[in-house]
Amino acid sequence: MRASFEVCGCFPTGRHYPGIADRLGAVVTNVVGLSSDFEPTTRWAEARVAVIDFETTGLSADNDRILEIGVACFAGGQLTALKNWLVNPGVPIPEQSRAVHNISDEEVAGAPSFAEVVQELHEVLRGHLPVAYNAGFDRAFLHAELARAGVTRAEQAEPAAQALPPAFVSDVVWIDPLVWVRELYRDDKSKKLTEVTARLGIALERAHRAASDAQAAGHVLYALAERMPATYAEVIGLQTQYATRQELDFSRRRRS
């Protein structure tokens, strides 16, 4: 589903980026990545959203595996459900990863596989806009695990696929609070979830555990809502612009 709206050289942050609107305006005038479950004019902050977080065995969606799933569901900014699953990744957990989330091989030994929890995850996420802090990471892991579990694009073509949650559809773009934090708090040194929640006065009781991170990321998103576009189409369109410019900035800094 697509939507069109005008773009100027200024952004909701109040900053002006000469040339950015000209270079990236096409992204906004034809918004891609919207879920067909929601109208482009939907006021996203009033809709049902699911904030997703994974703890994993490593950083590569191709080679590593999910070992904990957290989902925080919100409606109109209010937490409606908080879900957590330990997952047996089927591979040893490297010490470097265990040091981050403190999840051991023994803890997941009796847990179900991703394929065994995917139907329950499907039901929790259905009818919700997908959100994740640093969404590219979690989105890549989810779709890699869906492919391993046999939830393929071919299955999505079936009539029953209309009931698939937006997060399961490979071309749906997730709302990413990190992109907005980078844009709205450009002068802050750290954009890590632990640092952002501390600055905003948001509780994060168990950092690097999936459900706790998901809930905290949801509260960050709603804390930014008044400074973000109101409609679903506009927030995805502008987020795509910001993410593209941020990546260009990162690339320039790396080269220099």
C-alpha atoms as a PDB file:
ATOM      1  CA  MET A   1       0.000   0.000   0.000  1.00  0.00           C
ATOM      2  CA  ARG A   2       1.333   3.445  -0.896  1.00  0.00           C
ATOM      3  CA  ALA A   3       0.635   7.013   0.075  1.00  0.00           C
ATOM      4  CA  SER A   4       1.769  10.406  -1.178  1.00  0.00           C
ATOM      5  CA  PHE A   5       2.454  13.652   0.662  1.00  0.00           C
ATOM      6  CA  GLU A   6       4.568  16.743   0.149  1.00  0.00           C
ATOM      7  CA  VAL A   7       8.126  17.130   1.332  1.00  0.00           C
ATOM      8  CA  CYS A   8       9.935  20.341   2.194  1.00  0.00           C
ATOM      9  CA  GLY A   9      13.542  20.988   3.096  1.00  0.00           C
ATOM     10  CA  CYS A  10      12.797  20.957   6.804  1.00  0.00           C
ATOM     11  CA  PHE A  11      11.982  18.091   9.159  1.00  0.00           C
ATOM     12  CA  PRO A  12       9.932  17.689  12.372  1.00  0.00           C
ATOM     13  CA  THR A  13      13.141  18.007  14.374  1.00  0.00           C
ATOM     14  CA  GLY A  14      13.234  21.684  13.404  1.00  0.00           C
ATOM     15  CA  ARG A  15      16.534  21.206  11.594  1.00  0.00           C
ATOM     16  CA  HIS A  16      17.163  21.942   7.931  1.00  0.00           C
ATOM     17  CA  TYR A  17      19.252  19.655   5.764  1.00  0.00           C
ATOM     18  CA  PRO A  18      20.014  21.352   2.438  1.00  0.00           C
ATOM     19  CA  GLY A  19      19.620  18.970  -0.460  1.00  0.00           C
ATOM     20  CA  ILE A  20      18.304  16.058   1.592  1.00  0.00           C
ATOM     21  CA  ALA A  21      14.695  16.548   0.519  1.00  0.00           C
ATOM     22  CA  ASP A  22      15.778  16.785  -3.130  1.00  0.00           C
ATOM     23  CA  ARG A  23      17.847  13.614  -2.958  1.00  0.00           C
ATOM     24  CA  LEU A  24      15.403  11.573  -0.918  1.00  0.00           C
ATOM     25  CA  GLY A  25      12.009  13.076  -1.729  1.00  0.00           C
ATOM     26  CA  ALA A  26      11.117  10.121  -3.937  1.00  0.00           C
ATOM     27  CA  VAL A  27      11.205   7.891  -0.863  1.00  0.00           C
ATOM     28  CA  VAL A  28       8.446   9.927   0.748  1.00  0.00           C
ATOM     29  CA  THR A  29       6.214  10.577  -2.251  1.00  0.00           C
ATOM     30  CA  ASN A  30       5.946   6.814  -2.772  1.00  0.00           C
ATOM     31  CA  VAL A  31       6.002   5.239   0.666  1.00  0.00           C
ATOM     32  CA  VAL A  32       7.033   1.611   0.502  1.00  0.00           C
ATOM     33  CA  GLY A  33       7.039  -0.848   3.341  1.00  0.00           C
ATOM     34  CA  LEU A  34       3.557  -0.186   4.716  1.00  0.00           C
ATOM     35  CA  SER A  35       1.475  -3.078   6.006  1.00  0.00           C
ATOM     36  CA  SER A  36      -1.784  -3.634   4.158  1.00  0.00           C
ATOM     37  CA  ASP A  37      -3.381  -4.271   7.565  1.00  0.00           C
ATOM     38  CA  PHE A  38      -3.283  -0.546   8.356  1.00  0.00           C
ATOM     39  CA  GLU A  39      -4.454   2.489   6.421  1.00  0.00           C
ATOM     40  CA  PRO A  40      -1.666   4.952   5.579  1.00  0.00           C
ATOM     41  CA  THR A  41      -3.584   7.642   7.485  1.00  0.00           C
ATOM     42  CA  THR A  42      -3.744   5.546  10.663  1.00  0.00           C
ATOM     43  CA  ARG A  43      -2.534   7.504  13.673  1.00  0.00           C
ATOM     44  CA  TRP A  44       0.155   5.049  14.670  1.00  0.00           C
ATOM     45  CA  ALA A  45       0.365   6.160  18.314  1.00  0.00           C
ATOM     46  CA  GLU A  46      -3.290   5.222  18.763  1.00  0.00           C
ATOM     47  CA  ALA A  47      -2.949   1.870  16.994  1.00  0.00           C
ATOM     48  CA  ARG A  48      -1.871  -1.508  18.360  1.00  0.00           C
ATOM     49  CA  VAL A  49       1.887  -1.941  18.174  1.00  0.00           C
ATOM     50  CA  ALA A  50       4.165  -4.830  19.121  1.00  0.00           C
ATOM     51  CA  VAL A  51       7.694  -3.989  20.224  1.00  0.00           C
ATOM     52  CA  ILE A  52       9.953  -6.942  19.475  1.00  0.00           C
ATOM     53  CA  ASP A  53      13.354  -7.769  20.946  1.00  0.00           C
ATOM     54  CA  PHE A  54      15.594 -10.807  20.536  1.00  0.00           C
ATOM     55  CA  GLU A  55      18.590 -12.052  22.436  1.00  0.00           C
ATOM     56  CA  THR A  56      20.799 -14.087  20.132  1.00  0.00           C
ATOM     57  CA  THR A  57      23.890 -16.265  19.988  1.00  0.00           C
ATOM     58  CA  GLY A  58      25.694 -13.603  17.934  1.00  0.00           C
ATOM     59  CA  LEU A  59      25.303 -10.767  15.473  1.00  0.00           C
ATOM     60  CA  SER A  60      24.819 -12.611  12.169  1.00  0.00           C
ATOM     61  CA  ALA A  61      21.231 -13.446  11.228  1.00  0.00           C
ATOM     62  CA  ASP A  62      22.574 -15.944   8.686  1.00  0.00           C
ATOM     63  CA  ASN A  63      24.811 -17.847  11.090  1.00  0.00           C
ATOM     64  CA  ASP A  64      23.514 -17.144  14.591  1.00  0.00           C
ATOM     65  CA  ARG A  65      20.214 -18.000  16.273  1.00  0.00           C
ATOM     66  CA  ILE A  66      17.546 -16.467  18.489  1.00  0.00           C
ATOM     67  CA  LEU A  67      17.585 -17.732  22.077  1.00  0.00           C
ATOM     68  CA  GLU A  68      15.107 -15.353  23.739  1.00  0.00           C
ATOM     69  CA  ILE A  69      12.055 -13.512  22.391  1.00  0.00           C
ATOM     70  CA  GLY A  70      10.414 -10.546  24.072  1.00  0.00           C
ATOM     71  CA  VAL A  71       7.260  -8.807  22.836  1.00  0.00           C
ATOM     72  CA  ALA A  72       5.655  -5.781  24.489  1.00  0.00           C
ATOM     73  CA  CYS A  73       2.217  -4.975  23.064  1.00  0.00           C
ATOM     74  CA  PHE A  74       0.798  -1.475  23.372  1.00  0.00           C
ATOM     75  CA  ALA A  75      -2.483   0.174  22.404  1.00  0.00           C
ATOM     76  CA  GLY A  76      -2.797   3.938  22.540  1.00  0.00           C
ATOM     77  CA  GLY A  77       0.476   4.092  24.428  1.00  0.00           C
ATOM     78  CA  GLN A  78      -0.638   1.696  27.160  1.00  0.00           C
ATOM     79  CA  LEU A  79       1.048  -1.655  27.739  1.00  0.00           C
ATOM     80  CA  THR A  80      -1.494  -4.415  27.049  1.00  0.00           C
ATOM     81  CA  ALA A  81       0.668  -7.548  27.086  1.00  0.00           C
ATOM     82  CA  LEU A  82       4.245  -8.558  27.826  1.00  0.00           C
ATOM     83  CA  LYS A  83       5.430 -11.899  26.475  1.00  0.00           C
ATOM     84  CA  ASN A  84       8.702 -13.754  26.817  1.00  0.00           C
ATOM     85  CA  TRP A  85       9.973 -17.063  25.406  1.00  0.00           C
ATOM     86  CA  LEU A  86      13.286 -18.790  25.967  1.00  0.00           C
ATOM     87  CA  VAL A  87      14.282 -20.626  22.790  1.00  0.00           C
ATOM     88  CA  ASN A  88      16.680 -23.525  22.344  1.00  0.00           C
ATOM     89  CA  PRO A  89      18.915 -22.263  19.518  1.00  0.00           C
ATOM     90  CA  GLY A  90      20.227 -25.735  18.687  1.00  0.00           C
ATOM     91  CA  VAL A  91      23.820 -24.460  18.855  1.00  0.00           C
ATOM     92  CA  PRO A  92      26.177 -23.615  21.739  1.00  0.00           C
ATOM     93  CA  ILE A  93      25.981 -20.070  23.100  1.00  0.00           C
ATOM     94  CA  PRO A  94      29.361 -18.348  22.690  1.00  0.00           C
ATOM     95  CA  GLU A  95      30.893 -16.914  25.845  1.00  0.00           C
ATOM     96  CA  GLN A  96      31.025 -13.443  24.293  1.00  0.00           C
ATOM     97  CA  SER A  97      27.240 -13.461  23.809  1.00  0.00           C
ATOM     98  CA  ARG A  98      26.506 -15.035  27.183  1.00  0.00           C
ATOM     99  CA  ALA A  99      28.462 -12.242  28.843  1.00  0.00           C
ATOM    100  CA  VAL A 100      25.960  -9.740  27.412  1.00  0.00           C
ATOM    101  CA  HIS A 101      22.624 -11.378  28.218  1.00  0.00           C
ATOM    102  CA  ASN A 102      23.742 -13.935  30.840  1.00  0.00           C
ATOM    103  CA  ILE A 103      21.702 -16.738  29.226  1.00  0.00           C
ATOM    104  CA  SER A 104      23.467 -20.090  29.494  1.00  0.00           C
ATOM    105  CA  ASP A 105      23.277 -23.312  27.503  1.00  0.00           C
ATOM    106  CA  GLU A 106      21.809 -24.997  30.577  1.00  0.00           C
ATOM    107  CA  GLU A 107      19.023 -22.407  30.803  1.00  0.00           C
ATOM    108  CA  VAL A 108      17.809 -23.038  27.245  1.00  0.00           C
ATOM    109  CA  ALA A 109      18.460 -26.787  27.152  1.00  0.00           C
ATOM    110  CA  GLY A 110      14.831 -27.654  27.892  1.00  0.00           C
ATOM    111  CA  ALA A 111      13.316 -24.740  25.985  1.00  0.00           C
ATOM    112  CA  PRO A 112      11.327 -25.209  22.761  1.00  0.00           C
ATOM    113  CA  SER A 113      12.844 -24.488  19.374  1.00  0.00           C
ATOM    114  CA  PHE A 114      11.839 -21.401  17.404  1.00  0.00           C
ATOM    115  CA  ALA A 115       9.700 -23.583  15.142  1.00  0.00           C
ATOM    116  CA  GLU A 116       7.803 -24.784  18.210  1.00  0.00           C
ATOM    117  CA  VAL A 117       6.944 -21.252  19.409  1.00  0.00           C
ATOM    118  CA  VAL A 118       6.363 -19.613  16.024  1.00  0.00           C
ATOM    119  CA  GLN A 119       2.588 -20.179  16.051  1.00  0.00           C
ATOM    120  CA  GLU A 120       2.232 -18.585  19.472  1.00  0.00           C
ATOM    121  CA  LEU A 121       4.407 -15.693  18.341  1.00  0.00           C
ATOM    122  CA  HIS A 122       2.206 -15.381  15.242  1.00  0.00           C
ATOM    123  CA  GLU A 123      -0.901 -14.956  17.395  1.00  0.00           C
ATOM    124  CA  VAL A 124       0.703 -12.353  19.655  1.00  0.00           C
ATOM    125  CA  LEU A 125       1.964 -10.228  16.747  1.00  0.00           C
ATOM    126  CA  ARG A 126      -1.117 -10.420  14.530  1.00  0.00           C
ATOM    127  CA  GLY A 127      -2.891  -7.094  14.088  1.00  0.00           C
ATOM    128  CA  HIS A 128       0.018  -5.085  15.504  1.00  0.00           C
ATOM    129  CA  LEU A 129       2.417  -2.669  13.844  1.00  0.00           C
ATOM    130  CA  PRO A 130       5.945  -4.030  14.322  1.00  0.00           C
ATOM    131  CA  VAL A 131       8.473  -1.963  16.246  1.00  0.00           C
ATOM    132  CA  ALA A 132      12.051  -2.667  17.330  1.00  0.00           C
ATOM    133  CA  TYR A 133      14.958  -0.629  18.645  1.00  0.00           C
ATOM    134  CA  ASN A 134      17.585  -0.999  15.917  1.00  0.00           C
ATOM    135  CA  ALA A 135      14.923  -2.753  13.865  1.00  0.00           C
ATOM    136  CA  GLY A 136      17.212  -3.975  11.105  1.00  0.00           C
ATOM    137  CA  PHE A 137      18.855  -6.393  13.536  1.00  0.00           C
ATOM    138  CA  ASP A 138      15.666  -7.933  14.943  1.00  0.00           C
ATOM    139  CA  ARG A 139      13.861  -7.949  11.595  1.00  0.00           C
ATOM    140  CA  ALA A 140      16.732  -9.828   9.940  1.00  0.00           C
ATOM    141  CA  PHE A 141      16.832 -12.441  12.717  1.00  0.00           C
ATOM    142  CA  LEU A 142      13.062 -12.945  12.647  1.00  0.00           C
ATOM    143  CA  HIS A 143      12.925 -13.548   8.906  1.00  0.00           C
ATOM    144  CA  ALA A 144      15.962 -15.827   8.972  1.00  0.00           C
ATOM    145  CA  GLU A 145      14.286 -17.927  11.675  1.00  0.00           C
ATOM    146  CA  LEU A 146      10.947 -17.879   9.821  1.00  0.00           C
ATOM    147  CA  ALA A 147      12.706 -19.250   6.750  1.00  0.00           C
ATOM    148  CA  ARG A 148      14.329 -22.021   8.795  1.00  0.00           C
ATOM    149  CA  ALA A 149      10.939 -22.817  10.332  1.00  0.00           C
ATOM    150  CA  GLY A 150       9.358 -23.096   6.893  1.00  0.00           C
ATOM    151  CA  VAL A 151       7.330 -19.880   7.011  1.00  0.00           C
ATOM    152  CA  THR A 152       8.211 -18.842   3.489  1.00  0.00           C
ATOM    153  CA  ARG A 153       7.117 -16.238   0.972  1.00  0.00           C
ATOM    154  CA  ALA A 154       5.220 -18.987  -0.864  1.00  0.00           C
ATOM    155  CA  GLU A 155       3.074 -19.542   2.205  1.00  0.00           C
ATOM    156  CA  GLN A 156       2.425 -15.814   2.376  1.00  0.00           C
ATOM    157  CA  ALA A 157       0.875 -16.013  -1.097  1.00  0.00           C
ATOM    158  CA  GLU A 158      -1.903 -18.284   0.167  1.00  0.00           C
ATOM    159  CA  PRO A 159      -5.295 -16.743   1.055  1.00  0.00           C
ATOM    160  CA  ALA A 160      -4.719 -17.545   4.726  1.00  0.00           C
ATOM    161  CA  ALA A 161      -1.692 -15.264   4.598  1.00  0.00           C
ATOM    162  CA  GLN A 162      -4.009 -12.292   5.017  1.00  0.00           C
ATOM    163  CA  ALA A 163      -3.959 -13.188   8.707  1.00  0.00           C
ATOM    164  CA  LEU A 164      -0.141 -13.092   8.909  1.00  0.00           C
ATOM    165  CA  PRO A 165       1.117 -10.488  11.354  1.00  0.00           C
ATOM    166  CA  PRO A 166       2.778  -7.520   9.640  1.00  0.00           C
ATOM    167  CA  ALA A 167       6.102  -8.448  11.272  1.00  0.00           C
ATOM    168  CA  PHE A 168       6.079 -11.759   9.380  1.00  0.00           C
ATOM    169  CA  VAL A 169       5.718 -10.061   5.981  1.00  0.00           C
ATOM    170  CA  SER A 170       9.180  -9.583   4.546  1.00  0.00           C
ATOM    171  CA  ASP A 171       8.629  -6.222   2.837  1.00  0.00           C
ATOM    172  CA  VAL A 172       6.978  -4.451   5.783  1.00  0.00           C
ATOM    173  CA  VAL A 173       9.184  -1.772   7.354  1.00  0.00           C
ATOM    174  CA  TRP A 174       9.213  -1.708  11.155  1.00  0.00           C
ATOM    175  CA  ILE A 175       9.014   1.486  13.185  1.00  0.00           C
ATOM    176  CA  ASP A 176      12.456   2.021  14.695  1.00  0.00           C
ATOM    177  CA  PRO A 177      12.796   4.266  17.779  1.00  0.00           C
ATOM    178  CA  LEU A 178      16.584   4.263  17.348  1.00  0.00           C
ATOM    179  CA  VAL A 179      16.328   6.156  14.056  1.00  0.00           C
ATOM    180  CA  TRP A 180      14.198   8.801  15.779  1.00  0.00           C
ATOM    181  CA  VAL A 181      16.518   8.991  18.788  1.00  0.00           C
ATOM    182  CA  ARG A 182      19.435   9.589  16.438  1.00  0.00           C
ATOM    183  CA  GLU A 183      17.480  12.350  14.731  1.00  0.00           C
ATOM    184  CA  LEU A 184      15.911  14.050  17.739  1.00  0.00           C
ATOM    185  CA  TYR A 185      18.912  13.730  20.065  1.00  0.00           C
ATOM    186  CA  ARG A 186      21.714  14.195  17.573  1.00  0.00           C
ATOM    187  CA  ASP A 187      23.993  15.898  20.092  1.00  0.00           C
ATOM    188  CA  ASP A 188      23.773  13.111  22.675  1.00  0.00           C
ATOM    189  CA  LYS A 189      26.849  10.912  22.532  1.00  0.00           C
ATOM    190  CA  SER A 190      25.285   7.517  23.230  1.00  0.00           C
ATOM    191  CA  LYS A 191      22.141   6.197  21.576  1.00  0.00           C
ATOM    192  CA  LYS A 192      22.212   2.835  23.385  1.00  0.00           C
ATOM    193  CA  LEU A 193      18.861   1.830  24.853  1.00  0.00           C
ATOM    194  CA  THR A 194      20.314   1.758  28.380  1.00  0.00           C
ATOM    195  CA  GLU A 195      21.596   5.325  28.037  1.00  0.00           C
ATOM    196  CA  VAL A 196      18.481   6.685  26.317  1.00  0.00           C
ATOM    197  CA  THR A 197      16.115   5.239  28.913  1.00  0.00           C
ATOM    198  CA  ALA A 198      18.236   6.714  31.702  1.00  0.00           C
ATOM    199  CA  ARG A 199      18.132  10.173  30.117  1.00  0.00           C
ATOM    200  CA  LEU A 200      14.378   9.974  29.584  1.00  0.00           C
ATOM    201  CA  GLY A 201      13.663   8.612  33.066  1.00  0.00           C
ATOM    202  CA  ILE A 202      12.314   5.294  31.720  1.00  0.00           C
ATOM    203  CA  ALA A 203      12.758   2.147  33.782  1.00  0.00           C
ATOM    204  CA  LEU A 204      14.849  -0.649  32.302  1.00  0.00           C
ATOM    205  CA  GLU A 205      14.980  -3.285  35.006  1.00  0.00           C
ATOM    206  CA  ARG A 206      16.782  -6.111  33.183  1.00  0.00           C
ATOM    207  CA  ALA A 207      18.891  -4.698  30.380  1.00  0.00           C
ATOM    208  CA  HIS A 208      19.749  -7.173  27.618  1.00  0.00           C
ATOM    209  CA  ARG A 209      16.824  -9.431  28.463  1.00  0.00           C
ATOM    210  CA  ALA A 210      14.272  -9.507  25.692  1.00  0.00           C
ATOM    211  CA  ALA A 211      10.983  -8.644  27.398  1.00  0.00           C
ATOM    212  CA  SER A 212      12.507  -5.876  29.496  1.00  0.00           C
ATOM    213  CA  ASP A 213      14.258  -4.319  26.497  1.00  0.00           C
ATOM    214  CA  ALA A 214      11.076  -4.540  24.415  1.00  0.00           C
ATOM    215  CA  GLN A 215       8.986  -2.815  27.071  1.00  0.00           C
ATOM    216  CA  ALA A 216      11.563  -0.063  27.586  1.00  0.00           C
ATOM    217  CA  ALA A 217      11.884   0.504  23.824  1.00  0.00           C
ATOM    218  CA  GLY A 218       8.117   0.914  23.625  1.00  0.00           C
ATOM    219  CA  HIS A 219       8.148   3.571  26.322  1.00  0.00           C
ATOM    220  CA  VAL A 220      10.972   5.366  24.471  1.00  0.00           C
ATOM    221  CA  LEU A 221       8.874   5.367  21.301  1.00  0.00           C
ATOM    222  CA  TYR A 222       5.878   6.918  23.026  1.00  0.00           C
ATOM    223  CA  ALA A 223       8.099   9.447  24.781  1.00  0.00           C
ATOM    224  CA  LEU A 224       9.102  10.665  21.308  1.00  0.00           C
ATOM    225  CA  ALA A 225       5.622  10.471  19.781  1.00  0.00           C
ATOM    226  CA  GLU A 226       4.765  14.169  20.067  1.00  0.00           C
ATOM    227  CA  ARG A 227       7.872  15.035  18.059  1.00  0.00           C
ATOM    228  CA  MET A 228       7.179  12.429  15.377  1.00  0.00           C
ATOM    229  CA  PRO A 229       4.702  12.482  12.468  1.00  0.00           C
ATOM    230  CA  ALA A 230       1.192  11.431  13.419  1.00  0.00           C
ATOM    231  CA  THR A 231       0.294   9.112  10.550  1.00  0.00           C
ATOM    232  CA  TYR A 232       1.638   5.668   9.759  1.00  0.00           C
ATOM    233  CA  ALA A 233       2.624   6.550   6.188  1.00  0.00           C
ATOM    234  CA  GLU A 234       4.455   9.692   7.173  1.00  0.00           C
ATOM    235  CA  VAL A 235       6.366   8.112  10.033  1.00  0.00           C
ATOM    236  CA  ILE A 236       7.613   5.290   7.782  1.00  0.00           C
ATOM    237  CA  GLY A 237       8.387   7.663   4.916  1.00  0.00           C
ATOM    238  CA  LEU A 238      10.376  10.091   7.045  1.00  0.00           C
ATOM    239  CA  GLN A 239      12.037   7.287   8.986  1.00  0.00           C
ATOM    240  CA  THR A 240      13.312   5.902   5.685  1.00  0.00           C
ATOM    241  CA  GLN A 241      14.721   9.325   4.818  1.00  0.00           C
ATOM    242  CA  TYR A 242      16.381   9.731   8.180  1.00  0.00           C
ATOM    243  CA  ALA A 243      17.840   6.225   8.162  1.00  0.00           C
ATOM    244  CA  THR A 244      19.257   6.785   4.678  1.00  0.00           C
ATOM    245  CA  ARG A 245      20.859  10.086   5.663  1.00  0.00           C
ATOM    246  CA  GLN A 246      22.186   8.639   8.913  1.00  0.00           C
ATOM    247  CA  GLU A 247      23.824   5.791   7.027  1.00  0.00           C
ATOM    248  CA  LEU A 248      25.400   8.292   4.625  1.00  0.00           C
ATOM    249  CA  ASP A 249      26.726  10.241   7.613  1.00  0.00           C
ATOM    250  CA  PHE A 250      28.134   7.070   9.185  1.00  0.00           C
ATOM    251  CA  SER A 251      29.807   6.114   5.912  1.00  0.00           C
ATOM    252  CA  ARG A 252      31.412   9.535   5.596  1.00  0.00           C
ATOM    253  CA  ARG A 253      32.705   9.385   9.155  1.00  0.00           C
ATOM    254  CA  ARG A 254      34.154   5.920   8.591  1.00  0.00           C
ATOM    255  CA  ARG A 255      35.948   7.093   5.461  1.00  0.00           C
ATOM    256  CA  SER A 256      37.372  10.106   7.248  1.00  0.00           C
END
